[in-house]
């Protein structure tokens, strides 16, 4: 089984997986997905990626990376 939510191990960033489960996007109030490769939290609905610095999720819209801008936008 590949259910990551039941895993007690720490995420690559050092953020407790239980914390990642309860964090929501401050803009959309929707759940986030952890992108281990980029070490960031992604809001699919807002198309934003929130960085994790020193094991702390930076949940500020101003700090988030715009995913649309990187995928061929302007």
PDB file of N, CA and C in Angstrom:
ATOM      1  N   UNK A   1       0.833  -1.178   0.000  1.00  0.00           N
ATOM      2  CA  UNK A   1       0.000   0.000   0.000  1.00  0.00           C
ATOM      3  C   UNK A   1       0.876   1.240   0.000  1.00  0.00           C
ATOM      4  N   UNK A   2       0.422   2.283  -0.656  1.00  0.00           N
ATOM      5  CA  UNK A   2       1.239   3.490  -0.785  1.00  0.00           C
ATOM      6  C   UNK A   2       0.586   4.707  -0.156  1.00  0.00           C
ATOM      7  N   UNK A   3      -0.137   4.515   0.923  1.00  0.00           N
ATOM      8  CA  UNK A   3      -0.794   5.630   1.601  1.00  0.00           C
ATOM      9  C   UNK A   3       0.221   6.369   2.466  1.00  0.00           C
ATOM     10  N   UNK A   4       0.696   7.533   2.002  1.00  0.00           N
ATOM     11  CA  UNK A   4       1.711   8.297   2.708  1.00  0.00           C
ATOM     12  C   UNK A   4       1.180   8.922   3.989  1.00  0.00           C
ATOM     13  N   UNK A   5      -0.127   9.096   4.128  1.00  0.00           N
ATOM     14  CA  UNK A   5      -0.675   9.782   5.291  1.00  0.00           C
ATOM     15  C   UNK A   5      -0.544   8.949   6.555  1.00  0.00           C
ATOM     16  N   UNK A   6      -0.371   7.639   6.437  1.00  0.00           N
ATOM     17  CA  UNK A   6      -0.272   6.805   7.620  1.00  0.00           C
ATOM     18  C   UNK A   6       1.178   6.598   8.049  1.00  0.00           C
ATOM     19  N   UNK A   7       2.112   7.123   7.299  1.00  0.00           N
ATOM     20  CA  UNK A   7       3.519   6.936   7.592  1.00  0.00           C
ATOM     21  C   UNK A   7       3.976   7.831   8.739  1.00  0.00           C
ATOM     22  N   UNK A   8       4.634   7.244   9.758  1.00  0.00           N
ATOM     23  CA  UNK A   8       5.095   8.056  10.876  1.00  0.00           C
ATOM     24  C   UNK A   8       6.413   8.777  10.589  1.00  0.00           C
ATOM     25  N   UNK A   9       7.029   8.524   9.474  1.00  0.00           N
ATOM     26  CA  UNK A   9       8.328   9.128   9.178  1.00  0.00           C
ATOM     27  C   UNK A   9       8.204  10.612   8.858  1.00  0.00           C
ATOM     28  N   UNK A  10       9.285  11.328   9.075  1.00  0.00           N
ATOM     29  CA  UNK A  10       9.322  12.759   8.794  1.00  0.00           C
ATOM     30  C   UNK A  10       9.459  12.986   7.294  1.00  0.00           C
ATOM     31  N   UNK A  11       8.889  14.091   6.842  1.00  0.00           N
ATOM     32  CA  UNK A  11       9.043  14.496   5.452  1.00  0.00           C
ATOM     33  C   UNK A  11      10.485  14.949   5.246  1.00  0.00           C
ATOM     34  N   UNK A  12      10.934  15.005   4.012  1.00  0.00           N
ATOM     35  CA  UNK A  12      12.304  15.398   3.666  1.00  0.00           C
ATOM     36  C   UNK A  12      12.683  16.717   4.318  1.00  0.00           C
ATOM     37  N   UNK A  13      11.779  17.648   4.393  1.00  0.00           N
ATOM     38  CA  UNK A  13      12.051  18.979   4.926  1.00  0.00           C
ATOM     39  C   UNK A  13      12.201  18.990   6.434  1.00  0.00           C
ATOM     40  N   UNK A  14      11.827  17.912   7.089  1.00  0.00           N
ATOM     41  CA  UNK A  14      11.843  17.886   8.537  1.00  0.00           C
ATOM     42  C   UNK A  14      10.520  18.298   9.138  1.00  0.00           C
ATOM     43  N   UNK A  15       9.553  18.650   8.299  1.00  0.00           N
ATOM     44  CA  UNK A  15       8.220  19.025   8.777  1.00  0.00           C
ATOM     45  C   UNK A  15       7.463  17.754   9.134  1.00  0.00           C
ATOM     46  N   UNK A  16       6.833  17.764  10.284  1.00  0.00           N
ATOM     47  CA  UNK A  16       6.049  16.615  10.727  1.00  0.00           C
ATOM     48  C   UNK A  16       4.912  16.370   9.736  1.00  0.00           C
ATOM     49  N   UNK A  17       4.777  15.158   9.234  1.00  0.00           N
ATOM     50  CA  UNK A  17       3.704  14.859   8.269  1.00  0.00           C
ATOM     51  C   UNK A  17       2.311  15.175   8.792  1.00  0.00           C
ATOM     52  N   UNK A  18       2.098  15.073  10.092  1.00  0.00           N
ATOM     53  CA  UNK A  18       0.785  15.409  10.654  1.00  0.00           C
ATOM     54  C   UNK A  18       0.490  16.895  10.488  1.00  0.00           C
ATOM     55  N   UNK A  19       1.532  17.726  10.590  1.00  0.00           N
ATOM     56  CA  UNK A  19       1.352  19.162  10.357  1.00  0.00           C
ATOM     57  C   UNK A  19       0.983  19.412   8.902  1.00  0.00           C
ATOM     58  N   UNK A  20       1.641  18.707   7.993  1.00  0.00           N
ATOM     59  CA  UNK A  20       1.345  18.864   6.571  1.00  0.00           C
ATOM     60  C   UNK A  20      -0.097  18.483   6.255  1.00  0.00           C
ATOM     61  N   UNK A  21      -0.633  17.551   7.009  1.00  0.00           N
ATOM     62  CA  UNK A  21      -2.020  17.122   6.794  1.00  0.00           C
ATOM     63  C   UNK A  21      -3.030  18.192   7.181  1.00  0.00           C
ATOM     64  N   UNK A  22      -2.703  19.047   8.151  1.00  0.00           N
ATOM     65  CA  UNK A  22      -3.683  20.033   8.621  1.00  0.00           C
ATOM     66  C   UNK A  22      -3.507  21.416   8.010  1.00  0.00           C
ATOM     67  N   UNK A  23      -2.363  21.680   7.387  1.00  0.00           N
ATOM     68  CA  UNK A  23      -2.155  22.985   6.764  1.00  0.00           C
ATOM     69  C   UNK A  23      -3.050  23.135   5.540  1.00  0.00           C
ATOM     70  N   UNK A  24      -3.558  24.344   5.349  1.00  0.00           N
ATOM     71  CA  UNK A  24      -4.373  24.634   4.175  1.00  0.00           C
ATOM     72  C   UNK A  24      -3.835  25.886   3.488  1.00  0.00           C
ATOM     73  N   UNK A  25      -4.205  26.061   2.242  1.00  0.00           N
ATOM     74  CA  UNK A  25      -3.799  27.235   1.479  1.00  0.00           C
ATOM     75  C   UNK A  25      -4.470  28.461   2.092  1.00  0.00           C
ATOM     76  N   UNK A  26      -3.707  29.506   2.414  1.00  0.00           N
ATOM     77  CA  UNK A  26      -4.315  30.699   2.988  1.00  0.00           C
ATOM     78  C   UNK A  26      -5.211  31.466   2.009  1.00  0.00           C
ATOM     79  N   UNK A  27      -5.034  31.224   0.726  1.00  0.00           N
ATOM     80  CA  UNK A  27      -5.848  31.924  -0.272  1.00  0.00           C
ATOM     81  C   UNK A  27      -7.158  31.195  -0.550  1.00  0.00           C
ATOM     82  N   UNK A  28      -7.078  29.891  -0.759  1.00  0.00           N
ATOM     83  CA  UNK A  28      -8.264  29.122  -1.154  1.00  0.00           C
ATOM     84  C   UNK A  28      -8.911  28.346  -0.014  1.00  0.00           C
ATOM     85  N   UNK A  29      -8.191  28.186   1.080  1.00  0.00           N
ATOM     86  CA  UNK A  29      -8.653  27.384   2.221  1.00  0.00           C
ATOM     87  C   UNK A  29      -8.839  25.914   1.846  1.00  0.00           C
ATOM     88  N   UNK A  30      -8.071  25.461   0.862  1.00  0.00           N
ATOM     89  CA  UNK A  30      -8.122  24.078   0.396  1.00  0.00           C
ATOM     90  C   UNK A  30      -6.866  23.340   0.845  1.00  0.00           C
ATOM     91  N   UNK A  31      -6.905  22.006   0.878  1.00  0.00           N
ATOM     92  CA  UNK A  31      -5.735  21.220   1.273  1.00  0.00           C
ATOM     93  C   UNK A  31      -4.547  21.446   0.342  1.00  0.00           C
ATOM     94  N   UNK A  32      -3.367  21.222   0.884  1.00  0.00           N
ATOM     95  CA  UNK A  32      -2.121  21.354   0.125  1.00  0.00           C
ATOM     96  C   UNK A  32      -1.523  19.979  -0.121  1.00  0.00           C
ATOM     97  N   UNK A  33      -0.653  19.898  -1.118  1.00  0.00           N
ATOM     98  CA  UNK A  33       0.083  18.672  -1.396  1.00  0.00           C
ATOM     99  C   UNK A  33       1.557  18.954  -1.204  1.00  0.00           C
ATOM    100  N   UNK A  34       2.254  18.014  -0.600  1.00  0.00           N
ATOM    101  CA  UNK A  34       3.684  18.170  -0.380  1.00  0.00           C
ATOM    102  C   UNK A  34       4.451  17.695  -1.604  1.00  0.00           C
ATOM    103  N   UNK A  35       5.291  18.557  -2.159  1.00  0.00           N
ATOM    104  CA  UNK A  35       6.155  18.218  -3.287  1.00  0.00           C
ATOM    105  C   UNK A  35       7.548  18.007  -2.716  1.00  0.00           C
ATOM    106  N   UNK A  36       7.933  16.747  -2.527  1.00  0.00           N
ATOM    107  CA  UNK A  36       9.217  16.417  -1.910  1.00  0.00           C
ATOM    108  C   UNK A  36      10.394  16.855  -2.776  1.00  0.00           C
ATOM    109  N   UNK A  37      10.248  16.758  -4.087  1.00  0.00           N
ATOM    110  CA  UNK A  37      11.336  17.120  -4.996  1.00  0.00           C
ATOM    111  C   UNK A  37      11.725  18.593  -4.854  1.00  0.00           C
ATOM    112  N   UNK A  38      10.727  19.458  -4.748  1.00  0.00           N
ATOM    113  CA  UNK A  38      10.971  20.896  -4.625  1.00  0.00           C
ATOM    114  C   UNK A  38      10.930  21.362  -3.172  1.00  0.00           C
ATOM    115  N   UNK A  39      10.580  20.471  -2.243  1.00  0.00           N
ATOM    116  CA  UNK A  39      10.445  20.779  -0.825  1.00  0.00           C
ATOM    117  C   UNK A  39       9.542  21.994  -0.621  1.00  0.00           C
ATOM    118  N   UNK A  40       8.310  21.858  -1.086  1.00  0.00           N
ATOM    119  CA  UNK A  40       7.333  22.943  -0.980  1.00  0.00           C
ATOM    120  C   UNK A  40       5.935  22.360  -0.886  1.00  0.00           C
ATOM    121  N   UNK A  41       5.001  23.182  -0.459  1.00  0.00           N
ATOM    122  CA  UNK A  41       3.596  22.806  -0.374  1.00  0.00           C
ATOM    123  C   UNK A  41       2.855  23.437  -1.539  1.00  0.00           C
ATOM    124  N   UNK A  42       2.118  22.632  -2.275  1.00  0.00           N
ATOM    125  CA  UNK A  42       1.460  23.091  -3.495  1.00  0.00           C
ATOM    126  C   UNK A  42      -0.049  23.176  -3.291  1.00  0.00           C
ATOM    127  N   UNK A  43      -0.595  24.297  -3.724  1.00  0.00           N
ATOM    128  CA  UNK A  43      -2.042  24.488  -3.734  1.00  0.00           C
ATOM    129  C   UNK A  43      -2.501  24.341  -5.183  1.00  0.00           C
ATOM    130  N   UNK A  44      -3.068  23.171  -5.533  1.00  0.00           N
ATOM    131  CA  UNK A  44      -3.492  22.964  -6.922  1.00  0.00           C
ATOM    132  C   UNK A  44      -4.537  23.978  -7.384  1.00  0.00           C
ATOM    133  N   UNK A  45      -5.453  24.347  -6.505  1.00  0.00           N
ATOM    134  CA  UNK A  45      -6.520  25.265  -6.897  1.00  0.00           C
ATOM    135  C   UNK A  45      -5.998  26.683  -7.125  1.00  0.00           C
ATOM    136  N   UNK A  46      -5.121  27.169  -6.250  1.00  0.00           N
ATOM    137  CA  UNK A  46      -4.565  28.522  -6.383  1.00  0.00           C
ATOM    138  C   UNK A  46      -3.396  28.564  -7.363  1.00  0.00           C
ATOM    139  N   UNK A  47      -2.856  27.386  -7.698  1.00  0.00           N
ATOM    140  CA  UNK A  47      -1.678  27.286  -8.587  1.00  0.00           C
ATOM    141  C   UNK A  47      -0.484  28.018  -7.973  1.00  0.00           C
ATOM    142  N   UNK A  48      -0.307  27.803  -6.655  1.00  0.00           N
ATOM    143  CA  UNK A  48       0.792  28.404  -5.916  1.00  0.00           C
ATOM    144  C   UNK A  48       1.577  27.311  -5.196  1.00  0.00           C
ATOM    145  N   UNK A  49       2.870  27.559  -5.009  1.00  0.00           N
ATOM    146  CA  UNK A  49       3.727  26.641  -4.266  1.00  0.00           C
ATOM    147  C   UNK A  49       4.377  27.416  -3.131  1.00  0.00           C
ATOM    148  N   UNK A  50       4.097  26.987  -1.913  1.00  0.00           N
ATOM    149  CA  UNK A  50       4.624  27.648  -0.725  1.00  0.00           C
ATOM    150  C   UNK A  50       5.940  26.990  -0.313  1.00  0.00           C
ATOM    151  N   UNK A  51       6.993  27.775  -0.120  1.00  0.00           N
ATOM    152  CA  UNK A  51       8.296  27.197   0.228  1.00  0.00           C
ATOM    153  C   UNK A  51       8.336  26.702   1.667  1.00  0.00           C
ATOM    154  N   UNK A  52       9.270  25.798   1.918  1.00  0.00           N
ATOM    155  CA  UNK A  52       9.559  25.341   3.266  1.00  0.00           C
ATOM    156  C   UNK A  52      11.017  25.708   3.513  1.00  0.00           C
ATOM    157  N   UNK A  53      11.258  26.524   4.520  1.00  0.00           N
ATOM    158  CA  UNK A  53      12.615  26.985   4.831  1.00  0.00           C
ATOM    159  C   UNK A  53      12.980  26.577   6.246  1.00  0.00           C
ATOM    160  N   UNK A  54      14.051  25.849   6.379  1.00  0.00           N
ATOM    161  CA  UNK A  54      14.483  25.406   7.702  1.00  0.00           C
ATOM    162  C   UNK A  54      13.451  24.557   8.409  1.00  0.00           C
ATOM    163  N   UNK A  55      12.667  23.813   7.636  1.00  0.00           N
ATOM    164  CA  UNK A  55      11.637  22.957   8.207  1.00  0.00           C
ATOM    165  C   UNK A  55      10.351  23.680   8.553  1.00  0.00           C
ATOM    166  N   UNK A  56      10.259  24.979   8.201  1.00  0.00           N
ATOM    167  CA  UNK A  56       9.072  25.773   8.515  1.00  0.00           C
ATOM    168  C   UNK A  56       8.348  26.159   7.228  1.00  0.00           C
ATOM    169  N   UNK A  57       7.092  25.736   7.071  1.00  0.00           N
ATOM    170  CA  UNK A  57       6.319  26.146   5.896  1.00  0.00           C
ATOM    171  C   UNK A  57       6.047  27.654   5.944  1.00  0.00           C
ATOM    172  N   UNK A  58       6.346  28.342   4.867  1.00  0.00           N
ATOM    173  CA  UNK A  58       6.108  29.776   4.753  1.00  0.00           C
ATOM    174  C   UNK A  58       4.760  29.951   4.056  1.00  0.00           C
ATOM    175  N   UNK A  59       3.735  30.209   4.863  1.00  0.00           N
ATOM    176  CA  UNK A  59       2.367  30.218   4.358  1.00  0.00           C
ATOM    177  C   UNK A  59       1.889  31.630   4.028  1.00  0.00           C
ATOM    178  N   UNK A  60       2.698  32.365   3.287  1.00  0.00           N
ATOM    179  CA  UNK A  60       2.355  33.714   2.859  1.00  0.00           C
ATOM    180  C   UNK A  60       2.187  33.725   1.348  1.00  0.00           C
ATOM    181  N   UNK A  61       1.078  34.244   0.866  1.00  0.00           N
ATOM    182  CA  UNK A  61       0.817  34.288  -0.573  1.00  0.00           C
ATOM    183  C   UNK A  61       1.931  35.053  -1.289  1.00  0.00           C
ATOM    184  N   UNK A  62       2.445  36.118  -0.640  1.00  0.00           N
ATOM    185  CA  UNK A  62       3.518  36.921  -1.257  1.00  0.00           C
ATOM    186  C   UNK A  62       4.807  36.123  -1.458  1.00  0.00           C
ATOM    187  N   UNK A  63       5.016  35.091  -0.663  1.00  0.00           N
ATOM    188  CA  UNK A  63       6.223  34.269  -0.750  1.00  0.00           C
ATOM    189  C   UNK A  63       6.043  33.062  -1.680  1.00  0.00           C
ATOM    190  N   UNK A  64       4.816  32.785  -2.066  1.00  0.00           N
ATOM    191  CA  UNK A  64       4.527  31.605  -2.876  1.00  0.00           C
ATOM    192  C   UNK A  64       4.988  31.788  -4.320  1.00  0.00           C
ATOM    193  N   UNK A  65       5.360  30.669  -4.919  1.00  0.00           N
ATOM    194  CA  UNK A  65       5.773  30.645  -6.320  1.00  0.00           C
ATOM    195  C   UNK A  65       4.530  30.414  -7.180  1.00  0.00           C
ATOM    196  N   UNK A  66       4.376  31.217  -8.231  1.00  0.00           N
ATOM    197  CA  UNK A  66       3.240  31.105  -9.149  1.00  0.00           C
ATOM    198  C   UNK A  66       3.518  29.986 -10.149  1.00  0.00           C
ATOM    199  N   UNK A  67       2.765  28.909 -10.063  1.00  0.00           N
ATOM    200  CA  UNK A  67       2.994  27.757 -10.942  1.00  0.00           C
ATOM    201  C   UNK A  67       2.624  28.067 -12.400  1.00  0.00           C
ATOM    202  N   UNK A  68       1.628  28.903 -12.614  1.00  0.00           N
ATOM    203  CA  UNK A  68       1.218  29.234 -13.981  1.00  0.00           C
ATOM    204  C   UNK A  68       2.307  30.033 -14.704  1.00  0.00           C
ATOM    205  N   UNK A  69       3.012  30.887 -13.994  1.00  0.00           N
ATOM    206  CA  UNK A  69       4.077  31.707 -14.591  1.00  0.00           C
ATOM    207  C   UNK A  69       5.207  30.827 -15.111  1.00  0.00           C
ATOM    208  N   UNK A  70       5.429  29.679 -14.471  1.00  0.00           N
ATOM    209  CA  UNK A  70       6.512  28.781 -14.887  1.00  0.00           C
ATOM    210  C   UNK A  70       6.100  27.815 -15.990  1.00  0.00           C
ATOM    211  N   UNK A  71       4.814  27.639 -16.194  1.00  0.00           N
ATOM    212  CA  UNK A  71       4.341  26.656 -17.172  1.00  0.00           C
ATOM    213  C   UNK A  71       3.940  27.304 -18.493  1.00  0.00           C
ATOM    214  N   UNK A  72       4.680  28.327 -18.887  1.00  0.00           N
ATOM    215  CA  UNK A  72       4.424  28.919 -20.200  1.00  0.00           C
ATOM    216  C   UNK A  72       3.548  30.148 -20.156  1.00  0.00           C
ATOM    217  N   UNK A  73       3.263  30.646 -18.963  1.00  0.00           N
ATOM    218  CA  UNK A  73       2.509  31.884 -18.859  1.00  0.00           C
ATOM    219  C   UNK A  73       3.382  33.045 -19.317  1.00  0.00           C
ATOM    220  N   UNK A  74       2.881  34.236 -19.371  1.00  0.00           N
ATOM    221  CA  UNK A  74       3.592  35.437 -19.829  1.00  0.00           C
ATOM    222  C   UNK A  74       5.038  35.246 -19.622  1.00  0.00           C
TER     223      UNK A  74
END
